[in-house]
Amino acid sequence: MVAEIAAEKRAEAAVKGRSPAQDAWREFRRNRVGVVGAIFVILVFLVAIFAPFITPYGFNDQNTATARAKPLTGYNILESNLSKCHWAGTPIQWGCTLYVAGSDSLGRDLYSRTVYGTRVSLAVAFVAASVSIIIGFVYGTVSGYAGGRVDNLMMRVVDFMYSIPTLPIIIVMTFYFQSLSRRGTSTGLLGFLLDLDQRMGGLLFLFIAIGALNWIGMARLARGQVLSYKQKEFVEAAQAMGASDSRIIFRHLMPNIIGPLLIAESLAIPGYIFLEAALSFIGLGVNPPTPSWGAMISASYQGIQSNAHLVLVPGLALVFLTLAFNFMGDGLRDAFDVRLRGR
């Protein structure tokens, strides 16, 4: 009996000694689907980083002698092609002579292009999410903390932007940026941006177009969180002690509201990935030959009956990555929201 009481006290002490972050991590580990999604996202991230080492060829290396090859078919390799192979002179040089996932209409290795395409999808996902959460947090926090007329004015701006159809505006912006790029400007800030966009394969203007309007919902969420917390006792105590507004926002409010913002943004990432794929599908995404899953599907969907692998390989990669982010986001939401724990 004494041993049982001592064990219960030790368990209670362990629970009291855990921080909210430790409790959230403990709950997240219990969600097997969320953990699998997080592991898959980490693996895709590593694949994007080490793409040159795990692919036999670059994303634009062509071998027109073997165009539209089926998966697991031979690669008609010449000495000039072998010099392009990343695995040449290594124990896995035999991989240079095989199309693992087939080839496209220009004889480019489909597996290599799909792996390099992860860079575009992840870059758009994380940059768009970062822009959204930074702008949304700053805008919503200032609006909610200031209150009064400032809050009303800032929220009317958000209401006006909500009335703007997001996808058509992004398409118009992307088309405008691409027309500027084709026209070319070599001087001034615009010339610098155009040159930087070309070096990034068309990603810069894609980041600007997607990030320009996707912070609106985050701003509303941040404002709501600030309104609910700024009347709490710890904020009033900080104000009574003479703490500055910036200190209250970043030292007291931010640690309490950043969790819901991160969860909401993690659930929005699949939408960013699909948006980039949709823009690339209609020709308004990255610049060729930079590989994008949407552009790869667009270039091959008309021949899906005869060469289904050209659509299935990038299509499945897109589906699995978005599902993984959804599973991970659901796991994070369940872990951080105490009202959902144990359900």
C-alpha atoms as a PDB file:
ATOM      1  CA  MET A   1       0.000   0.000   0.000  1.00  0.00           C
ATOM      2  CA  VAL A   2       2.803   2.398   0.902  1.00  0.00           C
ATOM      3  CA  ALA A   3       4.623   1.512  -2.326  1.00  0.00           C
ATOM      4  CA  GLU A   4       1.480   2.247  -4.386  1.00  0.00           C
ATOM      5  CA  ILE A   5       1.034   5.640  -2.734  1.00  0.00           C
ATOM      6  CA  ALA A   6       4.700   6.489  -3.348  1.00  0.00           C
ATOM      7  CA  ALA A   7       4.359   5.452  -7.011  1.00  0.00           C
ATOM      8  CA  GLU A   8       1.279   7.667  -7.421  1.00  0.00           C
ATOM      9  CA  LYS A   9       3.110  10.624  -5.890  1.00  0.00           C
ATOM     10  CA  ARG A  10       6.070  10.087  -8.230  1.00  0.00           C
ATOM     11  CA  ALA A  11       3.705   9.966 -11.223  1.00  0.00           C
ATOM     12  CA  GLU A  12       1.987  13.178 -10.089  1.00  0.00           C
ATOM     13  CA  ALA A  13       5.359  14.871  -9.624  1.00  0.00           C
ATOM     14  CA  ALA A  14       6.436  13.776 -13.105  1.00  0.00           C
ATOM     15  CA  VAL A  15       3.235  15.212 -14.607  1.00  0.00           C
ATOM     16  CA  LYS A  16       3.660  18.496 -12.734  1.00  0.00           C
ATOM     17  CA  GLY A  17       7.296  18.684 -13.826  1.00  0.00           C
ATOM     18  CA  ARG A  18       6.464  18.482 -17.541  1.00  0.00           C
ATOM     19  CA  SER A  19       6.233  21.672 -19.547  1.00  0.00           C
ATOM     20  CA  PRO A  20       3.364  22.311 -22.025  1.00  0.00           C
ATOM     21  CA  ALA A  21       5.757  21.579 -24.885  1.00  0.00           C
ATOM     22  CA  GLN A  22       6.709  18.234 -23.327  1.00  0.00           C
ATOM     23  CA  ASP A  23       3.031  17.367 -22.885  1.00  0.00           C
ATOM     24  CA  ALA A  24       2.360  18.248 -26.536  1.00  0.00           C
ATOM     25  CA  TRP A  25       5.301  16.135 -27.721  1.00  0.00           C
ATOM     26  CA  ARG A  26       4.091  13.228 -25.605  1.00  0.00           C
ATOM     27  CA  GLU A  27       0.608  13.461 -27.119  1.00  0.00           C
ATOM     28  CA  PHE A  28       1.992  13.811 -30.647  1.00  0.00           C
ATOM     29  CA  ARG A  29       4.044  10.618 -30.276  1.00  0.00           C
ATOM     30  CA  ARG A  30       0.843   8.745 -29.429  1.00  0.00           C
ATOM     31  CA  ASN A  31      -0.667   9.757 -32.782  1.00  0.00           C
ATOM     32  CA  ARG A  32       0.844   7.135 -35.075  1.00  0.00           C
ATOM     33  CA  VAL A  33      -0.609   8.623 -38.261  1.00  0.00           C
ATOM     34  CA  GLY A  34       0.808  12.050 -37.382  1.00  0.00           C
ATOM     35  CA  VAL A  35       4.221  10.551 -36.607  1.00  0.00           C
ATOM     36  CA  VAL A  36       4.247   8.671 -39.932  1.00  0.00           C
ATOM     37  CA  GLY A  37       3.355  11.909 -41.730  1.00  0.00           C
ATOM     38  CA  ALA A  38       6.137  13.796 -39.952  1.00  0.00           C
ATOM     39  CA  ILE A  39       8.680  11.079 -40.764  1.00  0.00           C
ATOM     40  CA  PHE A  40       7.661  11.143 -44.435  1.00  0.00           C
ATOM     41  CA  VAL A  41       7.999  14.942 -44.562  1.00  0.00           C
ATOM     42  CA  ILE A  42      11.473  14.717 -43.005  1.00  0.00           C
ATOM     43  CA  LEU A  43      12.490  12.050 -45.530  1.00  0.00           C
ATOM     44  CA  VAL A  44      11.252  14.192 -48.436  1.00  0.00           C
ATOM     45  CA  PHE A  45      13.176  17.142 -47.011  1.00  0.00           C
ATOM     46  CA  LEU A  46      16.355  15.043 -46.923  1.00  0.00           C
ATOM     47  CA  VAL A  47      15.663  13.828 -50.459  1.00  0.00           C
ATOM     48  CA  ALA A  48      15.423  17.455 -51.644  1.00  0.00           C
ATOM     49  CA  ILE A  49      18.729  18.341 -49.974  1.00  0.00           C
ATOM     50  CA  PHE A  50      20.663  15.335 -51.258  1.00  0.00           C
ATOM     51  CA  ALA A  51      19.004  15.143 -54.685  1.00  0.00           C
ATOM     52  CA  PRO A  52      22.326  15.206 -56.626  1.00  0.00           C
ATOM     53  CA  PHE A  53      23.555  12.183 -54.666  1.00  0.00           C
ATOM     54  CA  ILE A  54      20.468   9.960 -54.926  1.00  0.00           C
ATOM     55  CA  THR A  55      19.680  10.582 -58.608  1.00  0.00           C
ATOM     56  CA  PRO A  56      21.668   9.275 -61.585  1.00  0.00           C
ATOM     57  CA  TYR A  57      21.247  12.369 -63.768  1.00  0.00           C
ATOM     58  CA  GLY A  58      20.432  16.056 -63.541  1.00  0.00           C
ATOM     59  CA  PHE A  59      16.881  17.208 -64.124  1.00  0.00           C
ATOM     60  CA  ASN A  60      17.725  18.539 -67.614  1.00  0.00           C
ATOM     61  CA  ASP A  61      20.132  15.866 -68.908  1.00  0.00           C
ATOM     62  CA  GLN A  62      18.622  14.599 -72.174  1.00  0.00           C
ATOM     63  CA  ASN A  63      19.021  11.364 -74.089  1.00  0.00           C
ATOM     64  CA  THR A  64      16.655  11.677 -77.055  1.00  0.00           C
ATOM     65  CA  ALA A  65      17.531   8.162 -78.237  1.00  0.00           C
ATOM     66  CA  THR A  66      15.364   6.763 -75.439  1.00  0.00           C
ATOM     67  CA  ALA A  67      12.388   9.136 -75.196  1.00  0.00           C
ATOM     68  CA  ARG A  68       9.277   8.020 -73.316  1.00  0.00           C
ATOM     69  CA  ALA A  69      10.975   4.884 -72.041  1.00  0.00           C
ATOM     70  CA  LYS A  70       8.953   2.639 -69.760  1.00  0.00           C
ATOM     71  CA  PRO A  71       9.983   2.136 -66.116  1.00  0.00           C
ATOM     72  CA  LEU A  72      12.872  -0.297 -65.506  1.00  0.00           C
ATOM     73  CA  THR A  73      14.061  -0.169 -69.114  1.00  0.00           C
ATOM     74  CA  GLY A  74      17.636   0.193 -70.290  1.00  0.00           C
ATOM     75  CA  TYR A  75      19.347   3.518 -70.865  1.00  0.00           C
ATOM     76  CA  ASN A  76      21.151   3.793 -74.215  1.00  0.00           C
ATOM     77  CA  ILE A  77      24.291   5.180 -72.669  1.00  0.00           C
ATOM     78  CA  LEU A  78      27.220   6.728 -74.511  1.00  0.00           C
ATOM     79  CA  GLU A  79      30.494   8.032 -73.142  1.00  0.00           C
ATOM     80  CA  SER A  80      29.112  11.588 -73.267  1.00  0.00           C
ATOM     81  CA  ASN A  81      26.072  10.491 -71.250  1.00  0.00           C
ATOM     82  CA  LEU A  82      28.131   8.514 -68.765  1.00  0.00           C
ATOM     83  CA  SER A  83      30.141  11.608 -67.902  1.00  0.00           C
ATOM     84  CA  LYS A  84      26.891  13.292 -66.862  1.00  0.00           C
ATOM     85  CA  CYS A  85      25.892  10.494 -64.500  1.00  0.00           C
ATOM     86  CA  HIS A  86      26.247  11.350 -60.814  1.00  0.00           C
ATOM     87  CA  TRP A  87      27.037   7.721 -60.009  1.00  0.00           C
ATOM     88  CA  ALA A  88      29.789   7.247 -62.589  1.00  0.00           C
ATOM     89  CA  GLY A  89      32.883   5.664 -61.060  1.00  0.00           C
ATOM     90  CA  THR A  90      31.015   4.453 -57.965  1.00  0.00           C
ATOM     91  CA  PRO A  91      29.819   0.963 -56.982  1.00  0.00           C
ATOM     92  CA  ILE A  92      26.299   1.878 -58.177  1.00  0.00           C
ATOM     93  CA  GLN A  93      27.375   2.931 -61.669  1.00  0.00           C
ATOM     94  CA  TRP A  94      25.025   0.247 -62.995  1.00  0.00           C
ATOM     95  CA  GLY A  95      22.208   2.658 -62.094  1.00  0.00           C
ATOM     96  CA  CYS A  96      23.381   4.941 -64.912  1.00  0.00           C
ATOM     97  CA  THR A  97      22.165   2.351 -67.433  1.00  0.00           C
ATOM     98  CA  LEU A  98      18.611   2.021 -66.102  1.00  0.00           C
ATOM     99  CA  TYR A  99      15.490   4.176 -66.192  1.00  0.00           C
ATOM    100  CA  VAL A 100      13.985   3.477 -62.776  1.00  0.00           C
ATOM    101  CA  ALA A 101      10.734   5.372 -63.462  1.00  0.00           C
ATOM    102  CA  GLY A 102      11.032   5.812 -67.236  1.00  0.00           C
ATOM    103  CA  SER A 103      11.819   8.924 -69.255  1.00  0.00           C
ATOM    104  CA  ASP A 104       9.862  11.866 -70.645  1.00  0.00           C
ATOM    105  CA  SER A 105       9.465  13.060 -74.247  1.00  0.00           C
ATOM    106  CA  LEU A 106      13.000  14.530 -74.245  1.00  0.00           C
ATOM    107  CA  GLY A 107      14.646  11.449 -72.798  1.00  0.00           C
ATOM    108  CA  ARG A 108      15.130  12.990 -69.355  1.00  0.00           C
ATOM    109  CA  ASP A 109      15.159  10.591 -66.409  1.00  0.00           C
ATOM    110  CA  LEU A 110      11.711  10.797 -64.791  1.00  0.00           C
ATOM    111  CA  TYR A 111      12.941   9.627 -61.400  1.00  0.00           C
ATOM    112  CA  SER A 112      15.583  12.367 -61.312  1.00  0.00           C
ATOM    113  CA  ARG A 113      13.098  15.050 -62.355  1.00  0.00           C
ATOM    114  CA  THR A 114      10.585  13.902 -59.729  1.00  0.00           C
ATOM    115  CA  VAL A 115      13.220  13.999 -56.996  1.00  0.00           C
ATOM    116  CA  TYR A 116      14.373  17.474 -58.025  1.00  0.00           C
ATOM    117  CA  GLY A 117      10.714  18.528 -58.125  1.00  0.00           C
ATOM    118  CA  THR A 118      10.559  18.063 -54.356  1.00  0.00           C
ATOM    119  CA  ARG A 119      12.736  21.168 -54.042  1.00  0.00           C
ATOM    120  CA  VAL A 120      10.143  23.332 -55.774  1.00  0.00           C
ATOM    121  CA  SER A 121       7.208  21.969 -53.767  1.00  0.00           C
ATOM    122  CA  LEU A 122       8.987  22.241 -50.411  1.00  0.00           C
ATOM    123  CA  ALA A 123      10.387  25.684 -51.208  1.00  0.00           C
ATOM    124  CA  VAL A 124       6.936  27.027 -52.084  1.00  0.00           C
ATOM    125  CA  ALA A 125       5.400  25.329 -49.048  1.00  0.00           C
ATOM    126  CA  PHE A 126       7.843  26.656 -46.464  1.00  0.00           C
ATOM    127  CA  VAL A 127       8.405  30.115 -47.977  1.00  0.00           C
ATOM    128  CA  ALA A 128       4.681  30.739 -48.424  1.00  0.00           C
ATOM    129  CA  ALA A 129       4.027  29.476 -44.893  1.00  0.00           C
ATOM    130  CA  SER A 130       6.806  31.672 -43.454  1.00  0.00           C
ATOM    131  CA  VAL A 131       5.577  34.778 -45.259  1.00  0.00           C
ATOM    132  CA  SER A 132       2.007  34.078 -44.210  1.00  0.00           C
ATOM    133  CA  ILE A 133       2.777  33.548 -40.540  1.00  0.00           C
ATOM    134  CA  ILE A 134       5.195  36.508 -40.261  1.00  0.00           C
ATOM    135  CA  ILE A 135       2.930  39.067 -41.944  1.00  0.00           C
ATOM    136  CA  GLY A 136      -0.218  37.623 -40.384  1.00  0.00           C
ATOM    137  CA  PHE A 137       1.282  37.555 -36.892  1.00  0.00           C
ATOM    138  CA  VAL A 138       2.581  41.120 -37.037  1.00  0.00           C
ATOM    139  CA  TYR A 139      -0.565  42.555 -38.621  1.00  0.00           C
ATOM    140  CA  GLY A 140      -3.040  40.649 -36.447  1.00  0.00           C
ATOM    141  CA  THR A 141      -1.105  41.242 -33.228  1.00  0.00           C
ATOM    142  CA  VAL A 142      -0.820  44.987 -33.808  1.00  0.00           C
ATOM    143  CA  SER A 143      -4.510  45.182 -34.688  1.00  0.00           C
ATOM    144  CA  GLY A 144      -5.719  43.186 -31.695  1.00  0.00           C
ATOM    145  CA  TYR A 145      -3.372  44.806 -29.179  1.00  0.00           C
ATOM    146  CA  ALA A 146      -4.048  48.378 -30.331  1.00  0.00           C
ATOM    147  CA  GLY A 147      -7.833  47.988 -30.377  1.00  0.00           C
ATOM    148  CA  GLY A 148     -10.246  50.846 -30.977  1.00  0.00           C
ATOM    149  CA  ARG A 149     -10.114  52.734 -34.261  1.00  0.00           C
ATOM    150  CA  VAL A 150      -6.797  51.221 -35.283  1.00  0.00           C
ATOM    151  CA  ASP A 151      -8.249  47.732 -34.945  1.00  0.00           C
ATOM    152  CA  ASN A 152     -11.388  48.675 -36.883  1.00  0.00           C
ATOM    153  CA  LEU A 153      -9.405  50.262 -39.703  1.00  0.00           C
ATOM    154  CA  MET A 154      -6.952  47.358 -40.015  1.00  0.00           C
ATOM    155  CA  MET A 155      -9.721  44.770 -39.985  1.00  0.00           C
ATOM    156  CA  ARG A 156     -11.660  46.641 -42.685  1.00  0.00           C
ATOM    157  CA  VAL A 157      -8.572  46.343 -44.858  1.00  0.00           C
ATOM    158  CA  VAL A 158      -8.565  42.595 -44.194  1.00  0.00           C
ATOM    159  CA  ASP A 159     -12.294  42.393 -44.991  1.00  0.00           C
ATOM    160  CA  PHE A 160     -11.674  44.182 -48.283  1.00  0.00           C
ATOM    161  CA  MET A 161      -8.867  41.766 -49.189  1.00  0.00           C
ATOM    162  CA  TYR A 162     -11.102  38.833 -48.312  1.00  0.00           C
ATOM    163  CA  SER A 163     -13.505  39.990 -51.018  1.00  0.00           C
ATOM    164  CA  ILE A 164     -10.762  39.653 -53.646  1.00  0.00           C
ATOM    165  CA  PRO A 165     -10.794  36.227 -55.374  1.00  0.00           C
ATOM    166  CA  THR A 166      -7.410  34.788 -54.445  1.00  0.00           C
ATOM    167  CA  LEU A 167      -6.712  32.377 -57.306  1.00  0.00           C
ATOM    168  CA  PRO A 168      -7.528  34.772 -60.194  1.00  0.00           C
ATOM    169  CA  ILE A 169      -5.417  37.515 -58.599  1.00  0.00           C
ATOM    170  CA  ILE A 170      -2.480  35.147 -58.145  1.00  0.00           C
ATOM    171  CA  ILE A 171      -2.820  34.050 -61.777  1.00  0.00           C
ATOM    172  CA  VAL A 172      -2.873  37.685 -62.952  1.00  0.00           C
ATOM    173  CA  MET A 173       0.152  38.559 -60.797  1.00  0.00           C
ATOM    174  CA  THR A 174       2.093  35.528 -62.002  1.00  0.00           C
ATOM    175  CA  PHE A 175       1.267  36.300 -65.638  1.00  0.00           C
ATOM    176  CA  TYR A 176       2.350  39.916 -65.143  1.00  0.00           C
ATOM    177  CA  PHE A 177       5.658  38.894 -63.570  1.00  0.00           C
ATOM    178  CA  GLN A 178       6.330  36.415 -66.378  1.00  0.00           C
ATOM    179  CA  SER A 179       5.597  39.077 -69.017  1.00  0.00           C
ATOM    180  CA  LEU A 180       8.090  41.388 -67.292  1.00  0.00           C
ATOM    181  CA  SER A 181      10.642  38.599 -67.276  1.00  0.00           C
ATOM    182  CA  ARG A 182      10.210  37.948 -70.997  1.00  0.00           C
ATOM    183  CA  ARG A 183      10.479  41.657 -71.797  1.00  0.00           C
ATOM    184  CA  GLY A 184      13.638  42.002 -69.726  1.00  0.00           C
ATOM    185  CA  THR A 185      14.860  44.990 -67.687  1.00  0.00           C
ATOM    186  CA  SER A 186      18.539  45.265 -66.872  1.00  0.00           C
ATOM    187  CA  THR A 187      18.595  48.316 -64.573  1.00  0.00           C
ATOM    188  CA  GLY A 188      17.192  49.319 -61.207  1.00  0.00           C
ATOM    189  CA  LEU A 189      15.408  47.270 -58.583  1.00  0.00           C
ATOM    190  CA  LEU A 190      13.131  45.630 -61.136  1.00  0.00           C
ATOM    191  CA  GLY A 191      16.105  44.477 -63.163  1.00  0.00           C
ATOM    192  CA  PHE A 192      17.703  43.006 -60.041  1.00  0.00           C
ATOM    193  CA  LEU A 193      14.489  41.139 -59.169  1.00  0.00           C
ATOM    194  CA  LEU A 194      14.119  39.812 -62.711  1.00  0.00           C
ATOM    195  CA  ASP A 195      17.701  38.576 -62.693  1.00  0.00           C
ATOM    196  CA  LEU A 196      17.233  36.963 -59.275  1.00  0.00           C
ATOM    197  CA  ASP A 197      14.007  35.321 -60.459  1.00  0.00           C
ATOM    198  CA  GLN A 198      15.810  33.842 -63.468  1.00  0.00           C
ATOM    199  CA  ARG A 199      18.536  32.439 -61.214  1.00  0.00           C
ATOM    200  CA  MET A 200      15.889  30.881 -58.981  1.00  0.00           C
ATOM    201  CA  GLY A 201      14.124  29.262 -61.932  1.00  0.00           C
ATOM    202  CA  GLY A 202      11.043  31.480 -61.640  1.00  0.00           C
ATOM    203  CA  LEU A 203      10.478  30.805 -57.951  1.00  0.00           C
ATOM    204  CA  LEU A 204      10.890  34.388 -56.693  1.00  0.00           C
ATOM    205  CA  PHE A 205       7.824  35.835 -58.379  1.00  0.00           C
ATOM    206  CA  LEU A 206       5.911  32.670 -57.525  1.00  0.00           C
ATOM    207  CA  PHE A 207       6.746  33.275 -53.851  1.00  0.00           C
ATOM    208  CA  ILE A 208       5.578  36.898 -54.139  1.00  0.00           C
ATOM    209  CA  ALA A 209       2.326  35.963 -55.873  1.00  0.00           C
ATOM    210  CA  ILE A 210       1.390  33.181 -53.422  1.00  0.00           C
ATOM    211  CA  GLY A 211       2.498  35.053 -50.293  1.00  0.00           C
ATOM    212  CA  ALA A 212       0.772  38.313 -51.213  1.00  0.00           C
ATOM    213  CA  LEU A 213      -2.732  37.225 -50.169  1.00  0.00           C
ATOM    214  CA  ASN A 214      -2.383  34.105 -48.020  1.00  0.00           C
ATOM    215  CA  TRP A 215      -1.601  35.950 -44.766  1.00  0.00           C
ATOM    216  CA  ILE A 216      -5.151  37.294 -44.362  1.00  0.00           C
ATOM    217  CA  GLY A 217      -6.578  34.322 -42.484  1.00  0.00           C
ATOM    218  CA  MET A 218      -3.491  34.178 -40.284  1.00  0.00           C
ATOM    219  CA  ALA A 219      -3.942  37.847 -39.387  1.00  0.00           C
ATOM    220  CA  ARG A 220      -7.491  37.208 -38.220  1.00  0.00           C
ATOM    221  CA  LEU A 221      -6.426  34.209 -36.174  1.00  0.00           C
ATOM    222  CA  ALA A 222      -3.584  36.173 -34.543  1.00  0.00           C
ATOM    223  CA  ARG A 223      -5.944  39.067 -33.749  1.00  0.00           C
ATOM    224  CA  GLY A 224      -8.447  36.729 -32.123  1.00  0.00           C
ATOM    225  CA  GLN A 225      -5.761  35.108 -30.002  1.00  0.00           C
ATOM    226  CA  VAL A 226      -4.416  38.503 -28.873  1.00  0.00           C
ATOM    227  CA  LEU A 227      -7.906  39.734 -27.961  1.00  0.00           C
ATOM    228  CA  SER A 228      -8.435  36.673 -25.780  1.00  0.00           C
ATOM    229  CA  TYR A 229      -5.064  36.958 -24.020  1.00  0.00           C
ATOM    230  CA  LYS A 230      -4.531  40.684 -23.594  1.00  0.00           C
ATOM    231  CA  GLN A 231      -7.128  40.827 -20.799  1.00  0.00           C
ATOM    232  CA  LYS A 232      -5.414  38.067 -18.826  1.00  0.00           C
ATOM    233  CA  GLU A 233      -3.817  38.764 -15.467  1.00  0.00           C
ATOM    234  CA  PHE A 234      -0.244  38.201 -16.613  1.00  0.00           C
ATOM    235  CA  VAL A 235      -0.608  40.892 -19.304  1.00  0.00           C
ATOM    236  CA  GLU A 236      -2.164  43.341 -16.845  1.00  0.00           C
ATOM    237  CA  ALA A 237       0.644  42.602 -14.380  1.00  0.00           C
ATOM    238  CA  ALA A 238       3.263  43.312 -17.053  1.00  0.00           C
ATOM    239  CA  GLN A 239       1.538  46.595 -17.920  1.00  0.00           C
ATOM    240  CA  ALA A 240       1.378  47.565 -14.241  1.00  0.00           C
ATOM    241  CA  MET A 241       5.127  46.964 -13.953  1.00  0.00           C
ATOM    242  CA  GLY A 242       5.752  49.388 -16.824  1.00  0.00           C
ATOM    243  CA  ALA A 243       6.688  46.866 -19.523  1.00  0.00           C
ATOM    244  CA  SER A 244       6.743  48.295 -23.040  1.00  0.00           C
ATOM    245  CA  ASP A 245       4.232  47.209 -25.657  1.00  0.00           C
ATOM    246  CA  SER A 246       6.898  45.400 -27.675  1.00  0.00           C
ATOM    247  CA  ARG A 247       8.045  43.474 -24.601  1.00  0.00           C
ATOM    248  CA  ILE A 248       4.480  42.462 -23.778  1.00  0.00           C
ATOM    249  CA  ILE A 249       3.858  41.330 -27.344  1.00  0.00           C
ATOM    250  CA  PHE A 250       7.053  39.329 -27.836  1.00  0.00           C
ATOM    251  CA  ARG A 251       7.681  38.082 -24.273  1.00  0.00           C
ATOM    252  CA  HIS A 252       4.154  37.454 -23.046  1.00  0.00           C
ATOM    253  CA  LEU A 253       1.665  37.244 -25.918  1.00  0.00           C
ATOM    254  CA  MET A 254       3.763  35.576 -28.598  1.00  0.00           C
ATOM    255  CA  PRO A 255       4.623  32.381 -26.634  1.00  0.00           C
ATOM    256  CA  ASN A 256       0.918  31.851 -25.970  1.00  0.00           C
ATOM    257  CA  ILE A 257      -0.456  32.488 -29.460  1.00  0.00           C
ATOM    258  CA  ILE A 258       2.300  31.055 -31.664  1.00  0.00           C
ATOM    259  CA  GLY A 259       1.167  27.449 -31.149  1.00  0.00           C
ATOM    260  CA  PRO A 260      -2.280  27.816 -32.790  1.00  0.00           C
ATOM    261  CA  LEU A 261      -0.709  29.879 -35.593  1.00  0.00           C
ATOM    262  CA  LEU A 262       1.864  27.182 -36.370  1.00  0.00           C
ATOM    263  CA  ILE A 263      -0.796  24.484 -36.335  1.00  0.00           C
ATOM    264  CA  ALA A 264      -3.038  26.459 -38.676  1.00  0.00           C
ATOM    265  CA  GLU A 265      -0.115  27.104 -41.019  1.00  0.00           C
ATOM    266  CA  SER A 266       0.916  23.451 -41.058  1.00  0.00           C
ATOM    267  CA  LEU A 267      -2.618  22.568 -42.163  1.00  0.00           C
ATOM    268  CA  ALA A 268      -2.432  25.238 -44.901  1.00  0.00           C
ATOM    269  CA  ILE A 269       0.829  23.937 -46.409  1.00  0.00           C
ATOM    270  CA  PRO A 270      -0.882  21.264 -48.597  1.00  0.00           C
ATOM    271  CA  GLY A 271      -2.927  24.064 -50.144  1.00  0.00           C
ATOM    272  CA  TYR A 272       0.263  25.940 -51.061  1.00  0.00           C
ATOM    273  CA  ILE A 273       1.715  22.811 -52.666  1.00  0.00           C
ATOM    274  CA  PHE A 274      -1.425  22.208 -54.711  1.00  0.00           C
ATOM    275  CA  LEU A 275      -1.569  25.892 -55.681  1.00  0.00           C
ATOM    276  CA  GLU A 276       1.984  25.764 -57.051  1.00  0.00           C
ATOM    277  CA  ALA A 277       1.156  22.542 -58.923  1.00  0.00           C
ATOM    278  CA  ALA A 278      -1.987  24.134 -60.381  1.00  0.00           C
ATOM    279  CA  LEU A 279      -0.086  27.229 -61.525  1.00  0.00           C
ATOM    280  CA  SER A 280       2.644  25.075 -63.076  1.00  0.00           C
ATOM    281  CA  PHE A 281      -0.011  22.913 -64.745  1.00  0.00           C
ATOM    282  CA  ILE A 282      -1.406  25.925 -66.628  1.00  0.00           C
ATOM    283  CA  GLY A 283       2.073  27.232 -67.445  1.00  0.00           C
ATOM    284  CA  LEU A 284       2.321  29.978 -64.820  1.00  0.00           C
ATOM    285  CA  GLY A 285       4.681  28.280 -62.392  1.00  0.00           C
ATOM    286  CA  VAL A 286       8.441  27.855 -62.488  1.00  0.00           C
ATOM    287  CA  ASN A 287      10.440  28.459 -65.659  1.00  0.00           C
ATOM    288  CA  PRO A 288      11.441  25.452 -67.790  1.00  0.00           C
ATOM    289  CA  PRO A 289      13.472  23.318 -67.490  1.00  0.00           C
ATOM    290  CA  THR A 290      13.120  23.592 -63.687  1.00  0.00           C
ATOM    291  CA  PRO A 291      11.067  20.499 -62.762  1.00  0.00           C
ATOM    292  CA  SER A 292       7.693  20.941 -61.125  1.00  0.00           C
ATOM    293  CA  TRP A 293       5.236  18.134 -60.522  1.00  0.00           C
ATOM    294  CA  GLY A 294       2.376  20.209 -61.937  1.00  0.00           C
ATOM    295  CA  ALA A 295       4.307  21.032 -65.105  1.00  0.00           C
ATOM    296  CA  MET A 296       5.343  17.381 -65.516  1.00  0.00           C
ATOM    297  CA  ILE A 297       1.714  16.293 -65.302  1.00  0.00           C
ATOM    298  CA  SER A 298       0.646  19.027 -67.726  1.00  0.00           C
ATOM    299  CA  ALA A 299       3.225  17.951 -70.311  1.00  0.00           C
ATOM    300  CA  SER A 300       2.138  14.299 -70.229  1.00  0.00           C
ATOM    301  CA  TYR A 301      -1.555  14.012 -69.340  1.00  0.00           C
ATOM    302  CA  GLN A 302      -2.710  13.884 -72.970  1.00  0.00           C
ATOM    303  CA  GLY A 303      -0.785  10.632 -73.481  1.00  0.00           C
ATOM    304  CA  ILE A 304      -1.836   9.028 -70.221  1.00  0.00           C
ATOM    305  CA  GLN A 305      -3.251   5.939 -71.933  1.00  0.00           C
ATOM    306  CA  SER A 306       0.009   5.033 -73.657  1.00  0.00           C
ATOM    307  CA  ASN A 307       2.460   6.427 -71.080  1.00  0.00           C
ATOM    308  CA  ALA A 308       0.632   6.456 -67.773  1.00  0.00           C
ATOM    309  CA  HIS A 309       3.873   6.481 -65.782  1.00  0.00           C
ATOM    310  CA  LEU A 310       4.635  10.038 -66.933  1.00  0.00           C
ATOM    311  CA  VAL A 311       1.584  11.231 -64.973  1.00  0.00           C
ATOM    312  CA  LEU A 312       1.463   8.670 -62.182  1.00  0.00           C
ATOM    313  CA  VAL A 313       5.018   9.189 -60.875  1.00  0.00           C
ATOM    314  CA  PRO A 314       4.777  12.972 -60.219  1.00  0.00           C
ATOM    315  CA  GLY A 315       1.075  12.647 -59.390  1.00  0.00           C
ATOM    316  CA  LEU A 316       1.677  10.071 -56.656  1.00  0.00           C
ATOM    317  CA  ALA A 317       4.556  12.128 -55.283  1.00  0.00           C
ATOM    318  CA  LEU A 318       2.222  15.126 -55.045  1.00  0.00           C
ATOM    319  CA  VAL A 319      -0.528  13.096 -53.362  1.00  0.00           C
ATOM    320  CA  PHE A 320       1.765  11.432 -50.815  1.00  0.00           C
ATOM    321  CA  LEU A 321       3.454  14.695 -49.821  1.00  0.00           C
ATOM    322  CA  THR A 322       0.179  16.569 -49.302  1.00  0.00           C
ATOM    323  CA  LEU A 323      -1.270  13.648 -47.342  1.00  0.00           C
ATOM    324  CA  ALA A 324       1.823  13.584 -45.143  1.00  0.00           C
ATOM    325  CA  PHE A 325       1.488  17.287 -44.353  1.00  0.00           C
ATOM    326  CA  ASN A 326      -2.215  16.798 -43.598  1.00  0.00           C
ATOM    327  CA  PHE A 327      -1.515  13.895 -41.236  1.00  0.00           C
ATOM    328  CA  MET A 328       1.273  15.820 -39.510  1.00  0.00           C
ATOM    329  CA  GLY A 329      -0.918  18.931 -39.167  1.00  0.00           C
ATOM    330  CA  ASP A 330      -3.775  16.916 -37.667  1.00  0.00           C
ATOM    331  CA  GLY A 331      -1.361  15.326 -35.207  1.00  0.00           C
ATOM    332  CA  LEU A 332       0.017  18.716 -34.162  1.00  0.00           C
ATOM    333  CA  ARG A 333      -3.478  20.121 -33.728  1.00  0.00           C
ATOM    334  CA  ASP A 334      -4.525  17.211 -31.510  1.00  0.00           C
ATOM    335  CA  ALA A 335      -1.304  17.478 -29.493  1.00  0.00           C
ATOM    336  CA  PHE A 336      -1.452  21.221 -28.818  1.00  0.00           C
ATOM    337  CA  ASP A 337      -5.214  21.529 -28.310  1.00  0.00           C
ATOM    338  CA  VAL A 338      -5.878  20.253 -24.791  1.00  0.00           C
ATOM    339  CA  ARG A 339      -9.600  19.976 -25.574  1.00  0.00           C
ATOM    340  CA  LEU A 340      -8.886  17.220 -28.139  1.00  0.00           C
ATOM    341  CA  ARG A 341      -6.544  15.135 -26.016  1.00  0.00           C
ATOM    342  CA  GLY A 342      -7.757  11.645 -25.339  1.00  0.00           C
ATOM    343  CA  ARG A 343     -10.482  11.755 -28.012  1.00  0.00           C
END
